């Protein structure tokens, strides 16, 4: 799965999508997951398994169309464990699913 997402990201990298507004207009989806590990110092802890599909319309409304995708993960927090270590996966649309001109 990760290889497929990485290959799709490299394929769509030529589009140079840098902002939330551009990603929204092209029909991209974003998925966030907690990246907090299984260890806290020398102790083993239960790994947080929180994942969520982020709503692009809400992100565009609250952050603005010019908000950079590169710093989005640094602005998120896991609602389950409170960790600031959150990974964001960018999922480009299928070839026939482009939403050009949306909002």
C-alpha atoms as a PDB file:
ATOM      1  CA  UNK A   1       0.000   0.000   0.000  1.00  0.00           C
ATOM      2  CA  UNK A   2       2.776   2.423   0.939  1.00  0.00           C
ATOM      3  CA  UNK A   3       4.620   1.733  -2.324  1.00  0.00           C
ATOM      4  CA  UNK A   4       1.477   2.476  -4.320  1.00  0.00           C
ATOM      5  CA  UNK A   5       0.910   5.754  -2.463  1.00  0.00           C
ATOM      6  CA  UNK A   6       4.569   6.708  -2.949  1.00  0.00           C
ATOM      7  CA  UNK A   7       4.439   5.928  -6.675  1.00  0.00           C
ATOM      8  CA  UNK A   8       1.238   7.930  -7.074  1.00  0.00           C
ATOM      9  CA  UNK A   9       2.805  10.808  -5.149  1.00  0.00           C
ATOM     10  CA  UNK A  10       5.853  10.776  -7.434  1.00  0.00           C
ATOM     11  CA  UNK A  11       3.587  10.646 -10.494  1.00  0.00           C
ATOM     12  CA  UNK A  12       1.587  13.661  -9.349  1.00  0.00           C
ATOM     13  CA  UNK A  13       4.670  15.470  -8.008  1.00  0.00           C
ATOM     14  CA  UNK A  14       5.070  17.003 -11.455  1.00  0.00           C
ATOM     15  CA  UNK A  15       1.882  18.974 -10.807  1.00  0.00           C
ATOM     16  CA  UNK A  16       3.753  20.802  -8.009  1.00  0.00           C
ATOM     17  CA  UNK A  17       0.822  20.924  -5.611  1.00  0.00           C
ATOM     18  CA  UNK A  18       2.028  23.010  -2.694  1.00  0.00           C
ATOM     19  CA  UNK A  19      -1.096  24.425  -1.022  1.00  0.00           C
ATOM     20  CA  UNK A  20      -4.330  23.077   0.415  1.00  0.00           C
ATOM     21  CA  UNK A  21      -6.306  25.055  -2.156  1.00  0.00           C
ATOM     22  CA  UNK A  22      -4.488  23.438  -5.080  1.00  0.00           C
ATOM     23  CA  UNK A  23      -4.928  19.964  -3.592  1.00  0.00           C
ATOM     24  CA  UNK A  24      -8.627  20.639  -2.998  1.00  0.00           C
ATOM     25  CA  UNK A  25      -9.145  21.879  -6.550  1.00  0.00           C
ATOM     26  CA  UNK A  26      -7.459  18.773  -7.974  1.00  0.00           C
ATOM     27  CA  UNK A  27      -9.529  16.405  -5.826  1.00  0.00           C
ATOM     28  CA  UNK A  28      -6.777  15.127  -3.544  1.00  0.00           C
ATOM     29  CA  UNK A  29      -7.607  13.392  -0.274  1.00  0.00           C
ATOM     30  CA  UNK A  30      -5.638  13.555   2.969  1.00  0.00           C
ATOM     31  CA  UNK A  31      -5.369  10.851   5.602  1.00  0.00           C
ATOM     32  CA  UNK A  32      -3.852  11.498   9.028  1.00  0.00           C
ATOM     33  CA  UNK A  33      -2.574   8.933  11.511  1.00  0.00           C
ATOM     34  CA  UNK A  34      -0.881   9.085  14.869  1.00  0.00           C
ATOM     35  CA  UNK A  35       2.829   8.376  14.547  1.00  0.00           C
ATOM     36  CA  UNK A  36       3.524   7.974  18.253  1.00  0.00           C
ATOM     37  CA  UNK A  37       5.582   4.810  18.640  1.00  0.00           C
ATOM     38  CA  UNK A  38       5.527   1.803  20.938  1.00  0.00           C
ATOM     39  CA  UNK A  39       8.214   3.137  23.277  1.00  0.00           C
ATOM     40  CA  UNK A  40       8.412   6.010  25.702  1.00  0.00           C
ATOM     41  CA  UNK A  41      11.992   6.191  26.867  1.00  0.00           C
ATOM     42  CA  UNK A  42      12.842   2.669  28.003  1.00  0.00           C
ATOM     43  CA  UNK A  43       9.223   1.678  28.704  1.00  0.00           C
ATOM     44  CA  UNK A  44       6.995  -0.193  26.308  1.00  0.00           C
ATOM     45  CA  UNK A  45       3.621   1.440  25.844  1.00  0.00           C
ATOM     46  CA  UNK A  46       0.511   0.671  23.841  1.00  0.00           C
ATOM     47  CA  UNK A  47       0.771   2.100  20.328  1.00  0.00           C
ATOM     48  CA  UNK A  48      -1.888   4.645  19.361  1.00  0.00           C
ATOM     49  CA  UNK A  49      -3.782   3.437  16.267  1.00  0.00           C
ATOM     50  CA  UNK A  50      -5.793   6.576  15.478  1.00  0.00           C
ATOM     51  CA  UNK A  51      -6.380   7.244  11.759  1.00  0.00           C
ATOM     52  CA  UNK A  52      -8.766   9.658  10.089  1.00  0.00           C
ATOM     53  CA  UNK A  53      -9.652  10.955   6.626  1.00  0.00           C
ATOM     54  CA  UNK A  54      -9.247  14.716   6.833  1.00  0.00           C
ATOM     55  CA  UNK A  55     -12.037  16.838   5.401  1.00  0.00           C
ATOM     56  CA  UNK A  56     -10.545  19.042   2.682  1.00  0.00           C
ATOM     57  CA  UNK A  57     -13.398  21.558   2.751  1.00  0.00           C
ATOM     58  CA  UNK A  58     -12.879  22.144   6.483  1.00  0.00           C
ATOM     59  CA  UNK A  59      -9.120  22.512   6.017  1.00  0.00           C
ATOM     60  CA  UNK A  60      -9.583  25.052   3.219  1.00  0.00           C
ATOM     61  CA  UNK A  61     -12.131  26.957   5.294  1.00  0.00           C
ATOM     62  CA  UNK A  62     -10.103  27.079   8.521  1.00  0.00           C
ATOM     63  CA  UNK A  63      -6.546  27.312   7.172  1.00  0.00           C
ATOM     64  CA  UNK A  64      -7.106  29.147   3.904  1.00  0.00           C
ATOM     65  CA  UNK A  65      -6.371  28.156   0.314  1.00  0.00           C
ATOM     66  CA  UNK A  66      -2.743  29.333   0.544  1.00  0.00           C
ATOM     67  CA  UNK A  67      -1.791  27.145   3.537  1.00  0.00           C
ATOM     68  CA  UNK A  68       1.275  25.018   2.591  1.00  0.00           C
ATOM     69  CA  UNK A  69       0.874  21.240   2.595  1.00  0.00           C
ATOM     70  CA  UNK A  70       4.455  20.881   3.847  1.00  0.00           C
ATOM     71  CA  UNK A  71       3.638  22.185   7.333  1.00  0.00           C
ATOM     72  CA  UNK A  72       0.193  20.655   7.755  1.00  0.00           C
ATOM     73  CA  UNK A  73       1.398  17.692   9.844  1.00  0.00           C
ATOM     74  CA  UNK A  74       3.165  20.017  12.285  1.00  0.00           C
ATOM     75  CA  UNK A  75      -0.152  21.774  13.027  1.00  0.00           C
ATOM     76  CA  UNK A  76      -2.082  18.607  13.919  1.00  0.00           C
ATOM     77  CA  UNK A  77      -2.447  16.751  17.227  1.00  0.00           C
ATOM     78  CA  UNK A  78      -3.759  13.242  17.880  1.00  0.00           C
ATOM     79  CA  UNK A  79      -7.156  13.537  19.605  1.00  0.00           C
ATOM     80  CA  UNK A  80      -6.771  10.145  21.278  1.00  0.00           C
ATOM     81  CA  UNK A  81      -3.331  10.347  22.945  1.00  0.00           C
ATOM     82  CA  UNK A  82      -2.467  14.052  22.530  1.00  0.00           C
ATOM     83  CA  UNK A  83       0.775  13.420  20.637  1.00  0.00           C
ATOM     84  CA  UNK A  84       2.048  16.020  18.179  1.00  0.00           C
ATOM     85  CA  UNK A  85       3.625  13.253  16.082  1.00  0.00           C
ATOM     86  CA  UNK A  86       1.050  12.960  13.303  1.00  0.00           C
ATOM     87  CA  UNK A  87       1.725  11.673   9.788  1.00  0.00           C
ATOM     88  CA  UNK A  88      -0.250  12.941   6.817  1.00  0.00           C
ATOM     89  CA  UNK A  89      -0.622  10.873   3.633  1.00  0.00           C
ATOM     90  CA  UNK A  90      -1.492  12.720   0.429  1.00  0.00           C
ATOM     91  CA  UNK A  91      -3.713  10.663  -1.881  1.00  0.00           C
ATOM     92  CA  UNK A  92      -3.981  12.037  -5.423  1.00  0.00           C
ATOM     93  CA  UNK A  93      -7.174  11.301  -7.389  1.00  0.00           C
ATOM     94  CA  UNK A  94      -7.534   8.562  -9.961  1.00  0.00           C
ATOM     95  CA  UNK A  95      -7.057   9.728 -13.564  1.00  0.00           C
ATOM     96  CA  UNK A  96     -10.771  10.134 -14.224  1.00  0.00           C
ATOM     97  CA  UNK A  97     -11.518  11.815 -10.884  1.00  0.00           C
ATOM     98  CA  UNK A  98     -10.085  15.302 -11.390  1.00  0.00           C
ATOM     99  CA  UNK A  99     -12.223  18.096  -9.934  1.00  0.00           C
ATOM    100  CA  UNK A 100     -10.751  21.010 -11.846  1.00  0.00           C
ATOM    101  CA  UNK A 101     -12.251  24.337 -10.923  1.00  0.00           C
ATOM    102  CA  UNK A 102     -13.758  23.251  -7.600  1.00  0.00           C
ATOM    103  CA  UNK A 103     -14.171  26.023  -5.022  1.00  0.00           C
END
